[in-house]
Amino acid sequence: RQDEPTRKIISAGGKTVLVLAEPNREREMVCRYLRHVGFEIVTATTLEDGRRLILNSPPHVAIIEDKTIRGNLEDVVRELREPITTRTLPIILLSTKAFVFDIESSLRAGVDRCLVKPVRLHTLGETCDVLIKGDSGDREFP
């Protein structure tokens, strides 16, 4: 159909995605979809678990659900990027806050993309793919 936007092909190629989110149906759906398009998935429920995973095997991109953030987002971003192997780790925030100032605040805190829930799974997959490839585009929000 002509009225449907063209979807980009996701070329995950086994790249690893860290999903830092509370265990629930939403996290399972996100993980299932990302596996389906070819990403390797590691999950963590807390920042401490996420840091342990990062130290053992750095992911190619991290997805953080805003419900898992305890305290300041800027501190969370700093902790995830503290190890030398993850200094440039792309970070996607899944947020329930849709106001422009909330998104701008998240970007100032250091996340690379802020996607507002409910997130289209294909958009999340495309965003992971783009950030892993290093093609940050024009920083529009899909």
Protein backbone atom coordinates (compact mmCIF):
# COMPACT_ATOMS: atom_id res chain seq x y z
CA ARG A 1 0.00 0.00 0.00
CA GLN A 2 1.17 3.49 -0.72
CA ASP A 3 -0.06 4.99 2.55
CA GLU A 4 2.12 2.71 4.69
CA PRO A 5 5.64 3.91 5.52
CA THR A 6 8.52 1.89 4.15
CA ARG A 7 10.09 -0.28 6.82
CA LYS A 8 13.85 -0.55 7.00
CA ILE A 9 15.40 -3.99 7.00
CA ILE A 10 16.97 -4.75 10.37
CA SER A 11 20.37 -6.42 10.07
CA ALA A 12 21.03 -7.42 13.67
CA GLY A 13 23.68 -9.98 12.81
CA GLY A 14 23.78 -11.42 16.32
CA LYS A 15 24.65 -8.11 17.97
CA THR A 16 23.95 -8.04 21.70
CA VAL A 17 21.27 -5.89 23.30
CA LEU A 18 21.08 -5.38 27.07
CA VAL A 19 17.47 -4.92 28.19
CA LEU A 20 17.35 -3.32 31.63
CA ALA A 21 13.71 -3.64 32.66
CA GLU A 22 11.44 -5.18 35.24
CA PRO A 23 10.40 -8.73 34.37
CA ASN A 24 6.91 -8.45 32.92
CA ARG A 25 4.97 -9.18 29.74
CA GLU A 26 6.21 -6.02 28.06
CA ARG A 27 9.88 -6.96 28.59
CA GLU A 28 9.20 -10.47 27.33
CA MET A 29 7.51 -9.13 24.20
CA VAL A 30 10.42 -6.75 23.51
CA CYS A 31 12.99 -9.51 24.03
CA ARG A 32 11.06 -12.00 21.88
CA TYR A 33 10.80 -9.51 19.02
CA LEU A 34 14.46 -8.48 19.16
CA ARG A 35 15.52 -12.16 19.17
CA HIS A 36 13.19 -12.77 16.23
CA VAL A 37 14.98 -10.14 14.13
CA GLY A 38 18.40 -11.54 15.03
CA PHE A 39 19.68 -9.78 18.14
CA GLU A 40 21.22 -11.64 21.06
CA ILE A 41 19.49 -10.53 24.26
CA VAL A 42 20.75 -10.25 27.82
CA THR A 43 18.41 -8.99 30.52
CA ALA A 44 18.86 -7.33 33.87
CA THR A 45 16.37 -6.09 36.43
CA THR A 46 18.66 -3.73 38.34
CA LEU A 47 21.47 -1.36 37.43
CA GLU A 48 23.88 -3.50 39.48
CA ASP A 49 22.96 -6.62 37.47
CA GLY A 50 23.31 -4.64 34.26
CA ARG A 51 26.79 -3.43 35.23
CA ARG A 52 27.87 -7.01 36.03
CA LEU A 53 26.68 -8.17 32.63
CA ILE A 54 28.45 -5.26 30.93
CA LEU A 55 31.74 -6.06 32.65
CA ASN A 56 31.56 -9.71 31.57
CA SER A 57 30.43 -9.12 28.00
CA PRO A 58 29.79 -5.58 26.73
CA PRO A 59 26.58 -5.28 24.68
CA HIS A 60 26.31 -3.32 21.44
CA VAL A 61 23.34 -1.27 22.71
CA ALA A 62 21.38 -0.93 25.96
CA ILE A 63 17.64 -0.42 26.38
CA ILE A 64 16.52 1.00 29.73
CA GLU A 65 12.92 1.07 30.85
CA ASP A 66 12.25 4.22 32.87
CA LYS A 67 10.57 2.22 35.68
CA THR A 68 13.91 0.60 36.55
CA ILE A 69 15.68 3.91 37.18
CA ARG A 70 16.25 4.57 40.85
CA GLY A 71 17.50 8.11 41.26
CA ASN A 72 19.07 10.27 38.57
CA LEU A 73 19.08 9.15 34.90
CA GLU A 74 22.40 10.90 34.32
CA ASP A 75 23.99 8.73 37.06
CA VAL A 76 22.55 5.58 35.47
CA VAL A 77 23.98 6.52 32.07
CA ARG A 78 27.37 7.33 33.64
CA GLU A 79 27.48 3.98 35.47
CA LEU A 80 26.62 2.00 32.34
CA ARG A 81 29.32 3.81 30.38
CA GLU A 82 31.95 3.77 33.14
CA PRO A 83 33.85 0.66 31.98
CA ILE A 84 36.31 1.48 29.20
CA THR A 85 34.64 -1.12 26.97
CA THR A 86 31.28 0.71 27.09
CA ARG A 87 32.32 4.39 26.95
CA THR A 88 30.40 4.82 23.69
CA LEU A 89 27.57 2.38 24.46
CA PRO A 90 24.39 3.57 22.71
CA ILE A 91 21.52 3.83 25.20
CA ILE A 92 17.79 3.86 24.41
CA LEU A 93 15.33 4.96 27.08
CA LEU A 94 11.78 3.55 26.97
CA SER A 95 9.75 6.21 28.69
CA THR A 96 6.20 6.81 29.80
CA LYS A 97 6.86 10.57 29.73
CA ALA A 98 5.90 12.05 26.37
CA PHE A 99 6.38 15.78 26.87
CA VAL A 100 9.09 17.44 24.80
CA PHE A 101 10.87 18.72 27.93
CA ASP A 102 10.98 15.15 29.33
CA ILE A 103 12.56 13.86 26.12
CA GLU A 104 15.03 16.77 26.00
CA SER A 105 15.94 16.11 29.64
CA SER A 106 16.64 12.46 28.84
CA LEU A 107 18.86 13.41 25.92
CA ARG A 108 20.76 15.90 28.12
CA ALA A 109 21.26 13.08 30.65
CA GLY A 110 23.13 11.20 27.94
CA VAL A 111 20.71 8.73 26.35
CA ASP A 112 20.97 8.47 22.58
CA ARG A 113 17.26 7.98 21.93
CA CYS A 114 14.12 8.34 24.00
CA LEU A 115 11.19 6.26 22.74
CA VAL A 116 7.80 6.95 24.25
CA LYS A 117 5.60 4.01 25.23
CA PRO A 118 3.82 2.26 23.75
CA VAL A 119 6.75 1.59 21.44
CA ARG A 120 6.29 -0.05 18.07
CA LEU A 121 8.54 -3.10 18.11
CA HIS A 122 9.81 -2.53 14.59
CA THR A 123 10.74 1.04 15.53
CA LEU A 124 12.69 -0.26 18.52
CA GLY A 125 14.49 -2.80 16.34
CA GLU A 126 15.32 -0.15 13.73
CA THR A 127 16.59 2.20 16.44
CA CYS A 128 18.89 -0.51 17.85
CA ASP A 129 20.16 -1.27 14.36
CA VAL A 130 20.82 2.40 13.51
CA LEU A 131 22.64 3.08 16.80
CA ILE A 132 24.78 -0.06 16.52
CA LYS A 133 25.81 0.91 13.00
CA GLY A 134 26.73 4.37 14.28
CA ASP A 135 24.32 6.13 11.96
CA SER A 136 22.74 8.52 14.44
CA GLY A 137 20.80 10.29 11.71
CA ASP A 138 19.25 13.62 12.63
CA ARG A 139 18.23 12.59 16.16
CA GLU A 140 14.55 12.55 15.29
CA PHE A 141 12.39 10.42 17.51
CA PRO A 142 10.87 7.49 15.65
